[in-house]
Amino acid sequence: MSASVEIQDPETDERLLERFRAGDLSAVGEFYRRYCRPVFLYAFSLTRDRALAEDIVQQTFVRLLQQDPRGIASIRGLLFTIARNLVRDDLRRAAASKSACPLLEPTSDAPDPERLRALSRALNELPDEQREVVILRIYADLPFADIAATVGVPEATVKSRYRYALKRMEPDLER
């Protein structure tokens, strides 16, 4: 007689948000597990400072805990909006140092380390507005409407920035 183990689907963001609204702070821990890396990459792409990006991630989730959960419509969108505002505040205070995107640094098991270096260089050469949209679309997997809300521009502008960024990156990636 074999025991069958039923695998449950992970909770959706909506269900976790319901738990958070009900006062279950462990839901924030699950949001952290899901979104700390994309929020870090986003913050790093804007600041180009690893330590500052790590601080932004921590501050983002502290701010989430300070939010009235009843007013939250989308956790993903809210997290990136909070992170963007924190980055903008920090960038106003001090100039950020530039370096390669850490999540694109080749590892020993990377299938094509030179291609990752080329992608990192191409991303770093984009204007800030275009790089921000590419990171949010590709690495944070945000839809264009959420990106538009996060960066505070019309969706058509976000789509244009994305299209221009990809076009600008294309020659660097074909080498």
Protein backbone atom coordinates (compact mmCIF):
# COMPACT_ATOMS: atom_id res chain seq x y z
CA MET A 1 0.00 0.00 0.00
CA SER A 2 1.59 3.21 -1.12
CA ALA A 3 0.84 6.50 0.46
CA SER A 4 -0.10 9.16 -2.00
CA VAL A 5 1.07 12.63 -1.21
CA GLU A 6 -1.13 15.41 -2.48
CA ILE A 7 0.92 18.35 -3.64
CA GLN A 8 -0.83 21.63 -3.10
CA ASP A 9 -0.35 24.54 -5.44
CA PRO A 10 1.48 27.41 -3.84
CA GLU A 11 -0.77 30.18 -2.64
CA THR A 12 -1.53 32.90 -5.11
CA ASP A 13 -0.54 36.46 -4.39
CA GLU A 14 -4.24 37.25 -3.99
CA ARG A 15 -4.67 34.59 -1.29
CA LEU A 16 -1.54 35.77 0.50
CA LEU A 17 -2.85 39.32 0.33
CA GLU A 18 -6.09 38.13 1.94
CA ARG A 19 -4.05 36.56 4.74
CA PHE A 20 -2.07 39.78 5.17
CA ARG A 21 -5.30 41.80 5.29
CA ALA A 22 -6.54 39.42 8.00
CA GLY A 23 -3.47 40.22 10.08
CA ASP A 24 -1.33 37.20 9.21
CA LEU A 25 2.17 38.69 9.02
CA SER A 26 3.66 35.38 7.86
CA ALA A 27 2.19 36.24 4.45
CA VAL A 28 4.78 39.02 4.21
CA GLY A 29 7.50 36.39 4.67
CA GLU A 30 6.12 34.51 1.67
CA PHE A 31 6.00 37.74 -0.36
CA TYR A 32 9.61 38.32 0.63
CA ARG A 33 10.59 34.84 -0.54
CA ARG A 34 8.87 35.42 -3.87
CA TYR A 35 9.91 38.96 -4.60
CA CYS A 36 13.19 39.75 -2.83
CA ARG A 37 15.31 38.76 -5.82
CA PRO A 38 13.28 40.64 -8.48
CA VAL A 39 13.07 43.71 -6.22
CA PHE A 40 16.82 43.49 -5.62
CA LEU A 41 17.57 43.27 -9.34
CA TYR A 42 15.29 46.22 -10.00
CA ALA A 43 16.85 48.31 -7.23
CA PHE A 44 20.35 47.36 -8.36
CA SER A 45 19.58 48.21 -11.98
CA LEU A 46 18.65 51.71 -10.82
CA THR A 47 21.35 52.27 -8.19
CA ARG A 48 24.18 50.09 -9.48
CA ASP A 49 25.20 49.66 -5.86
CA ARG A 50 24.82 46.18 -4.37
CA ALA A 51 24.72 47.25 -0.71
CA LEU A 52 22.26 50.04 -1.41
CA ALA A 53 20.05 47.66 -3.41
CA GLU A 54 20.06 45.19 -0.51
CA ASP A 55 19.03 48.00 1.83
CA ILE A 56 16.28 49.03 -0.58
CA VAL A 57 14.90 45.46 -0.53
CA GLN A 58 14.79 45.45 3.26
CA GLN A 59 13.23 48.92 3.42
CA THR A 60 10.67 47.91 0.79
CA PHE A 61 9.35 45.07 2.91
CA VAL A 62 9.40 47.20 6.07
CA ARG A 63 7.29 49.76 4.21
CA LEU A 64 4.97 46.97 3.07
CA LEU A 65 4.39 46.10 6.73
CA GLN A 66 3.55 49.76 7.41
CA GLN A 67 0.90 49.83 4.65
CA ASP A 68 -2.79 49.52 5.35
CA PRO A 69 -3.37 46.13 3.72
CA ARG A 70 -6.97 47.01 2.88
CA GLY A 71 -5.79 49.55 0.34
CA ILE A 72 -3.46 47.22 -1.54
CA ALA A 73 -4.68 46.07 -4.95
CA SER A 74 -1.51 44.39 -6.27
CA ILE A 75 1.40 43.31 -4.11
CA ARG A 76 3.81 42.99 -7.02
CA GLY A 77 3.03 46.45 -8.31
CA LEU A 78 3.17 47.96 -4.83
CA LEU A 79 6.55 46.39 -4.03
CA PHE A 80 8.15 47.79 -7.17
CA THR A 81 6.56 51.20 -6.59
CA ILE A 82 7.89 51.30 -3.02
CA ALA A 83 11.34 50.20 -4.21
CA ARG A 84 11.35 52.82 -6.96
CA ASN A 85 10.44 55.57 -4.52
CA LEU A 86 13.14 54.47 -2.09
CA VAL A 87 15.73 54.39 -4.88
CA ARG A 88 14.70 57.83 -6.07
CA ASP A 89 15.02 59.14 -2.51
CA ASP A 90 18.50 57.63 -2.14
CA LEU A 91 19.63 58.81 -5.57
CA ARG A 92 18.65 62.34 -4.64
CA ARG A 93 20.90 62.10 -1.59
CA ALA A 94 23.99 60.58 -3.21
CA ALA A 95 25.35 59.56 -6.59
CA ALA A 96 25.30 55.80 -7.16
CA SER A 97 28.39 53.90 -8.26
CA LYS A 98 28.21 51.86 -11.47
CA SER A 99 29.10 48.21 -11.95
CA ALA A 100 27.83 45.20 -13.88
CA CYS A 101 24.44 43.70 -13.13
CA PRO A 102 25.17 41.04 -10.46
CA LEU A 103 22.54 38.57 -11.55
CA LEU A 104 24.02 38.55 -15.03
CA GLU A 105 27.57 37.87 -13.95
CA PRO A 106 28.67 34.56 -15.43
CA THR A 107 28.93 31.60 -13.11
CA SER A 108 31.04 28.52 -13.60
CA ASP A 109 28.02 26.61 -14.89
CA ALA A 110 26.72 29.38 -17.19
CA PRO A 111 26.08 27.99 -20.67
CA ASP A 112 27.53 31.06 -22.42
CA PRO A 113 29.38 33.40 -20.05
CA GLU A 114 30.40 35.76 -22.87
CA ARG A 115 26.77 36.20 -23.92
CA LEU A 116 25.86 37.09 -20.31
CA ARG A 117 28.66 39.65 -20.24
CA ALA A 118 27.38 41.13 -23.51
CA LEU A 119 23.84 41.31 -22.11
CA SER A 120 25.10 42.96 -18.94
CA ARG A 121 27.10 45.52 -20.95
CA ALA A 122 24.11 46.18 -23.21
CA LEU A 123 21.81 46.73 -20.22
CA ASN A 124 24.31 49.03 -18.54
CA GLU A 125 24.63 51.16 -21.69
CA LEU A 126 20.89 51.82 -21.90
CA PRO A 127 19.50 55.12 -20.67
CA ASP A 128 18.08 54.74 -17.16
CA GLU A 129 14.45 54.96 -18.31
CA GLN A 130 14.90 52.16 -20.85
CA ARG A 131 16.93 49.92 -18.53
CA GLU A 132 14.30 50.29 -15.83
CA VAL A 133 11.53 49.15 -18.20
CA VAL A 134 13.55 46.18 -19.49
CA ILE A 135 14.37 45.00 -15.96
CA LEU A 136 10.76 45.31 -14.82
CA ARG A 137 9.42 43.54 -17.91
CA ILE A 138 11.94 40.71 -18.25
CA TYR A 139 13.27 40.08 -14.75
CA ALA A 140 10.34 41.19 -12.61
CA ASP A 141 7.81 39.83 -15.12
CA LEU A 142 5.54 42.84 -14.71
CA PRO A 143 2.94 43.54 -17.39
CA PHE A 144 3.30 46.86 -19.21
CA ALA A 145 0.31 48.33 -17.35
CA ASP A 146 1.96 47.65 -13.97
CA ILE A 147 5.27 49.05 -15.21
CA ALA A 148 3.46 52.20 -16.32
CA ALA A 149 1.91 52.57 -12.88
CA THR A 150 5.26 51.92 -11.18
CA VAL A 151 7.27 54.46 -13.18
CA GLY A 152 4.43 56.97 -13.52
CA VAL A 153 4.20 57.24 -17.31
CA PRO A 154 1.56 56.12 -19.83
CA GLU A 155 1.60 52.48 -20.91
CA ALA A 156 2.36 53.53 -24.51
CA THR A 157 5.52 55.27 -23.27
CA VAL A 158 6.58 52.13 -21.42
CA LYS A 159 6.08 50.04 -24.56
CA SER A 160 8.09 52.53 -26.62
CA ARG A 161 10.94 52.54 -24.11
CA TYR A 162 10.96 48.74 -24.11
CA ARG A 163 10.95 48.55 -27.92
CA TYR A 164 13.73 51.15 -28.23
CA ALA A 165 15.79 49.39 -25.56
CA LEU A 166 15.58 46.04 -27.32
CA LYS A 167 16.47 47.67 -30.63
CA ARG A 168 19.40 49.45 -29.03
CA MET A 169 20.65 46.24 -27.38
CA GLU A 170 20.34 44.10 -30.52
CA PRO A 171 23.73 44.95 -32.11
CA ASP A 172 25.57 44.25 -28.84
CA LEU A 173 23.88 40.88 -28.49
CA GLU A 174 24.53 39.79 -32.09
CA ARG A 175 28.30 39.93 -31.67
